[in-house]
């Protein structure tokens, strides 16, 4: 199901507050349950998936969408980011398919950057719905390289690099060596093709034109989108306290 947020408590006028206290969070501390979604604005669903490391969750987004086909208008969703590859996340997505998505298909998958919590299940979602992937070229190629294990994300070459720069603790060195397949375990496969996103690329999402923006807070080539009403990344920011939009 799609959760409904409780009414927010009116805040003091922003002019009387400073810094973070001047921000208003209409959803308060309300979180979407695993396998469910919370509507943060008309046509924008917030989905939250578990992660197997210290940052224990990832915030994902479903944007109500439609596309023209030979037989008429096809309604569905644009998925923004994917969660890591593991059975638990796949099962949570299946619950989202049947519940908040109301059985409608994913029409496209947008991945903001190559980190495994964002890229992990892109291949699976694309295959499930025969949906195209939209992504920046640098992030796509980085994910492709890292998923093969033939990269400097861990292993002997990375171990030597850190040792040459003074990081010689044996336990740390062993951990670096063992991380050679760390990314590939969470991103075992990358879609074979993608639609390249560039600065200013425009995409129609739910009747609104979204423009790609470079926003390198997480990765140098992280991407976000503006919408005519409202800006999707801003919706994430003002809805959820102590949380980053991606």
Protein backbone atom coordinates (compact mmCIF):
# COMPACT_ATOMS: atom_id res chain seq x y z
CA UNK A 1 0.00 0.00 0.00
CA UNK A 2 0.94 3.67 -0.16
CA UNK A 3 1.27 5.12 3.33
CA UNK A 4 -0.34 8.40 4.31
CA UNK A 5 1.72 10.78 6.39
CA UNK A 6 0.12 12.20 9.56
CA UNK A 7 -0.74 15.92 9.60
CA UNK A 8 2.33 18.03 10.32
CA UNK A 9 2.62 20.29 13.34
CA UNK A 10 2.70 23.97 12.34
CA UNK A 11 6.18 25.39 12.76
CA UNK A 12 7.17 28.80 13.99
CA UNK A 13 7.52 31.43 11.25
CA UNK A 14 10.80 30.87 9.39
CA UNK A 15 11.79 34.49 9.93
CA UNK A 16 12.06 33.84 13.68
CA UNK A 17 14.35 30.80 13.26
CA UNK A 18 17.97 30.33 12.23
CA UNK A 19 19.96 27.66 10.38
CA UNK A 20 18.47 24.16 10.25
CA UNK A 21 15.71 25.29 12.60
CA UNK A 22 14.33 27.46 9.80
CA UNK A 23 13.56 24.36 7.72
CA UNK A 24 10.09 22.81 7.74
CA UNK A 25 9.62 19.02 7.50
CA UNK A 26 5.95 18.23 6.78
CA UNK A 27 6.45 14.48 7.29
CA UNK A 28 8.27 14.86 10.59
CA UNK A 29 9.92 11.52 11.47
CA UNK A 30 7.48 9.42 9.41
CA UNK A 31 9.32 6.77 7.37
CA UNK A 32 8.07 4.43 4.63
CA UNK A 33 7.91 0.82 5.80
CA UNK A 34 9.98 -1.80 3.98
CA UNK A 35 8.13 -2.89 0.86
CA UNK A 36 5.78 0.12 1.04
CA UNK A 37 5.93 3.75 -0.07
CA UNK A 38 5.07 7.19 1.24
CA UNK A 39 3.62 9.81 -1.09
CA UNK A 40 5.59 13.03 -0.47
CA UNK A 41 3.89 15.03 -3.24
CA UNK A 42 1.33 14.17 -5.93
CA UNK A 43 2.84 11.49 -8.12
CA UNK A 44 6.07 11.16 -6.11
CA UNK A 45 6.55 8.09 -3.90
CA UNK A 46 9.35 7.67 -1.38
CA UNK A 47 10.63 4.09 -1.04
CA UNK A 48 13.19 3.04 1.58
CA UNK A 49 15.33 -0.11 1.22
CA UNK A 50 17.67 -1.74 3.73
CA UNK A 51 21.46 -1.79 3.25
CA UNK A 52 23.97 -4.32 4.62
CA UNK A 53 26.47 -1.80 6.01
CA UNK A 54 26.76 1.15 8.42
CA UNK A 55 24.52 3.40 6.33
CA UNK A 56 21.60 1.04 6.83
CA UNK A 57 19.10 2.35 4.28
CA UNK A 58 18.77 3.93 0.84
CA UNK A 59 16.02 6.33 -0.22
CA UNK A 60 14.56 5.56 -3.65
CA UNK A 61 11.88 7.34 -5.65
CA UNK A 62 8.98 6.43 -7.92
CA UNK A 63 7.66 9.19 -10.19
CA UNK A 64 4.25 8.70 -11.75
CA UNK A 65 4.75 8.58 -15.52
CA UNK A 66 3.23 7.60 -18.87
CA UNK A 67 4.45 6.95 -22.40
CA UNK A 68 2.90 6.92 -25.85
CA UNK A 69 2.71 3.49 -27.50
CA UNK A 70 1.22 2.16 -30.73
CA UNK A 71 -1.87 1.08 -28.78
CA UNK A 72 -2.28 4.26 -26.74
CA UNK A 73 -1.02 5.82 -23.52
CA UNK A 74 0.79 3.41 -21.19
CA UNK A 75 0.81 4.42 -17.54
CA UNK A 76 3.56 3.47 -15.13
CA UNK A 77 6.50 4.78 -13.11
CA UNK A 78 10.00 6.15 -13.47
CA UNK A 79 12.23 4.58 -10.81
CA UNK A 80 15.06 6.72 -9.45
CA UNK A 81 17.82 4.50 -8.00
CA UNK A 82 17.54 0.83 -7.14
CA UNK A 83 19.06 -0.56 -3.93
CA UNK A 84 21.71 -3.30 -3.72
CA UNK A 85 21.38 -6.76 -5.21
CA UNK A 86 20.27 -9.27 -2.57
CA UNK A 87 17.17 -11.44 -2.02
CA UNK A 88 15.74 -9.17 0.68
CA UNK A 89 15.78 -6.07 -1.50
CA UNK A 90 14.31 -7.98 -4.43
CA UNK A 91 11.46 -9.23 -2.24
CA UNK A 92 10.83 -5.71 -0.92
CA UNK A 93 10.63 -4.47 -4.51
CA UNK A 94 8.10 -7.21 -5.34
CA UNK A 95 5.92 -5.90 -2.52
CA UNK A 96 6.25 -2.39 -3.97
CA UNK A 97 5.28 -3.72 -7.43
CA UNK A 98 2.11 -5.27 -6.07
CA UNK A 99 1.25 -2.52 -3.58
CA UNK A 100 2.23 1.14 -4.07
CA UNK A 101 2.86 0.73 -7.81
CA UNK A 102 -0.65 -0.72 -8.19
CA UNK A 103 0.57 -3.29 -10.69
CA UNK A 104 1.73 -0.63 -13.14
CA UNK A 105 5.12 -1.15 -14.83
CA UNK A 106 8.38 0.67 -14.43
CA UNK A 107 8.78 2.58 -17.70
CA UNK A 108 12.38 3.65 -17.15
CA UNK A 109 15.12 3.41 -14.54
CA UNK A 110 17.19 6.50 -13.70
CA UNK A 111 20.41 5.94 -11.74
CA UNK A 112 21.93 9.07 -10.21
CA UNK A 113 25.43 7.59 -9.73
CA UNK A 114 27.33 4.29 -9.63
CA UNK A 115 27.47 3.54 -5.90
CA UNK A 116 26.12 0.02 -5.26
CA UNK A 117 23.09 1.14 -3.24
CA UNK A 118 21.96 3.22 -6.22
CA UNK A 119 23.10 0.95 -9.09
CA UNK A 120 22.78 -2.53 -7.62
CA UNK A 121 19.41 -3.74 -8.90
CA UNK A 122 19.28 -1.61 -12.05
CA UNK A 123 19.85 -4.68 -14.22
CA UNK A 124 17.06 -6.61 -12.47
CA UNK A 125 14.51 -3.79 -12.63
CA UNK A 126 15.30 -3.17 -16.31
CA UNK A 127 14.91 -6.88 -17.06
CA UNK A 128 11.69 -7.24 -15.07
CA UNK A 129 9.94 -4.52 -17.07
CA UNK A 130 12.01 -4.36 -20.27
CA UNK A 131 12.73 -0.78 -19.18
CA UNK A 132 15.59 1.40 -20.42
CA UNK A 133 18.33 2.71 -18.15
CA UNK A 134 19.11 6.45 -18.02
CA UNK A 135 22.51 7.36 -16.60
CA UNK A 136 25.56 9.58 -16.98
CA UNK A 137 28.34 8.03 -19.13
CA UNK A 138 31.07 8.39 -16.49
CA UNK A 139 28.94 6.72 -13.83
CA UNK A 140 27.82 3.95 -16.19
CA UNK A 141 31.38 3.11 -17.26
CA UNK A 142 32.60 3.20 -13.64
CA UNK A 143 29.87 0.76 -12.62
CA UNK A 144 30.65 -1.50 -15.55
CA UNK A 145 34.34 -1.62 -14.64
CA UNK A 146 33.73 -2.10 -10.91
CA UNK A 147 31.19 -4.88 -11.43
CA UNK A 148 33.77 -7.00 -13.28
CA UNK A 149 36.13 -6.91 -10.30
CA UNK A 150 38.95 -5.80 -12.63
CA UNK A 151 39.27 -2.36 -11.04
CA UNK A 152 41.18 -0.61 -8.27
CA UNK A 153 38.31 -0.92 -5.79
CA UNK A 154 40.34 -3.51 -3.87
CA UNK A 155 42.86 -6.31 -4.33
CA UNK A 156 46.62 -6.47 -4.65
CA UNK A 157 47.15 -3.29 -6.71
CA UNK A 158 45.10 -1.18 -4.30
CA UNK A 159 46.87 -2.79 -1.36
CA UNK A 160 50.28 -1.87 -2.82
CA UNK A 161 49.13 1.70 -3.50
CA UNK A 162 48.14 2.28 0.14
CA UNK A 163 51.26 0.50 1.43
CA UNK A 164 53.47 2.77 -0.70
CA UNK A 165 51.82 5.74 0.99
CA UNK A 166 52.35 4.47 4.53
CA UNK A 167 49.18 2.53 5.27
CA UNK A 168 50.83 -0.73 6.36
CA UNK A 169 48.68 -2.08 9.19
CA UNK A 170 48.39 -5.84 8.40
CA UNK A 171 44.71 -6.08 9.35
CA UNK A 172 43.81 -3.06 7.21
CA UNK A 173 45.89 -4.38 4.32
CA UNK A 174 44.05 -7.70 4.45
CA UNK A 175 40.71 -5.93 4.40
CA UNK A 176 41.74 -3.88 1.37
CA UNK A 177 42.85 -7.05 -0.42
CA UNK A 178 39.52 -8.76 0.30
CA UNK A 179 37.47 -5.87 -1.12
CA UNK A 180 38.31 -6.77 -4.71
CA UNK A 181 34.83 -8.27 -5.19
CA UNK A 182 32.98 -6.05 -2.70
CA UNK A 183 31.27 -3.92 -5.36
CA UNK A 184 30.59 -6.84 -7.68
CA UNK A 185 28.79 -8.71 -4.90
CA UNK A 186 26.23 -5.91 -4.70
CA UNK A 187 26.27 -5.02 -8.42
CA UNK A 188 26.82 -8.37 -10.15
CA UNK A 189 25.55 -7.10 -13.50
CA UNK A 190 25.09 -3.81 -15.35
CA UNK A 191 22.49 -3.32 -18.11
CA UNK A 192 24.06 -3.82 -21.53
CA UNK A 193 22.82 -0.47 -22.87
CA UNK A 194 21.75 2.89 -21.50
CA UNK A 195 20.48 6.33 -22.48
CA UNK A 196 23.23 8.84 -21.78
CA UNK A 197 22.40 11.76 -19.51
CA UNK A 198 24.28 15.00 -20.06
CA UNK A 199 24.02 18.44 -18.50
CA UNK A 200 20.71 19.87 -19.68
CA UNK A 201 19.29 16.58 -20.97
CA UNK A 202 15.50 16.90 -20.89
CA UNK A 203 13.16 14.02 -20.04
CA UNK A 204 9.38 14.05 -19.92
CA UNK A 205 8.25 12.57 -16.59
CA UNK A 206 4.56 12.54 -15.75
CA UNK A 207 3.80 15.37 -18.13
CA UNK A 208 6.59 17.56 -16.74
CA UNK A 209 9.92 18.27 -18.40
CA UNK A 210 12.88 17.29 -16.23
CA UNK A 211 16.36 18.69 -16.92
CA UNK A 212 19.49 16.88 -15.79
CA UNK A 213 21.72 18.75 -13.34
CA UNK A 214 25.26 17.89 -12.30
CA UNK A 215 25.29 17.85 -8.49
CA UNK A 216 28.53 16.30 -7.29
CA UNK A 217 28.00 16.12 -3.54
CA UNK A 218 28.20 12.30 -3.46
CA UNK A 219 30.18 11.59 -6.63
CA UNK A 220 31.72 14.15 -9.04
CA UNK A 221 29.13 13.26 -11.69
CA UNK A 222 26.02 12.61 -9.56
CA UNK A 223 22.85 13.65 -11.41
CA UNK A 224 19.55 15.13 -10.27
CA UNK A 225 16.53 16.44 -12.11
CA UNK A 226 14.35 19.50 -11.92
CA UNK A 227 10.64 19.21 -12.55
CA UNK A 228 8.31 21.98 -13.56
CA UNK A 229 6.29 21.47 -10.35
CA UNK A 230 8.05 20.75 -8.09
CA UNK A 231 11.79 20.04 -8.14
CA UNK A 232 12.05 16.36 -7.26
CA UNK A 233 15.28 16.63 -5.28
CA UNK A 234 13.81 19.52 -3.30
CA UNK A 235 10.79 17.40 -2.41
CA UNK A 236 13.15 14.86 -0.89
CA UNK A 237 14.96 17.55 1.06
CA UNK A 238 12.01 19.31 2.63
CA UNK A 239 10.06 16.16 3.38
CA UNK A 240 12.62 14.19 5.33
CA UNK A 241 14.79 15.60 8.15
CA UNK A 242 18.47 14.65 8.51
CA UNK A 243 18.61 12.94 5.16
CA UNK A 244 20.24 13.50 1.78
CA UNK A 245 18.08 13.55 -1.38
CA UNK A 246 20.00 10.77 -3.17
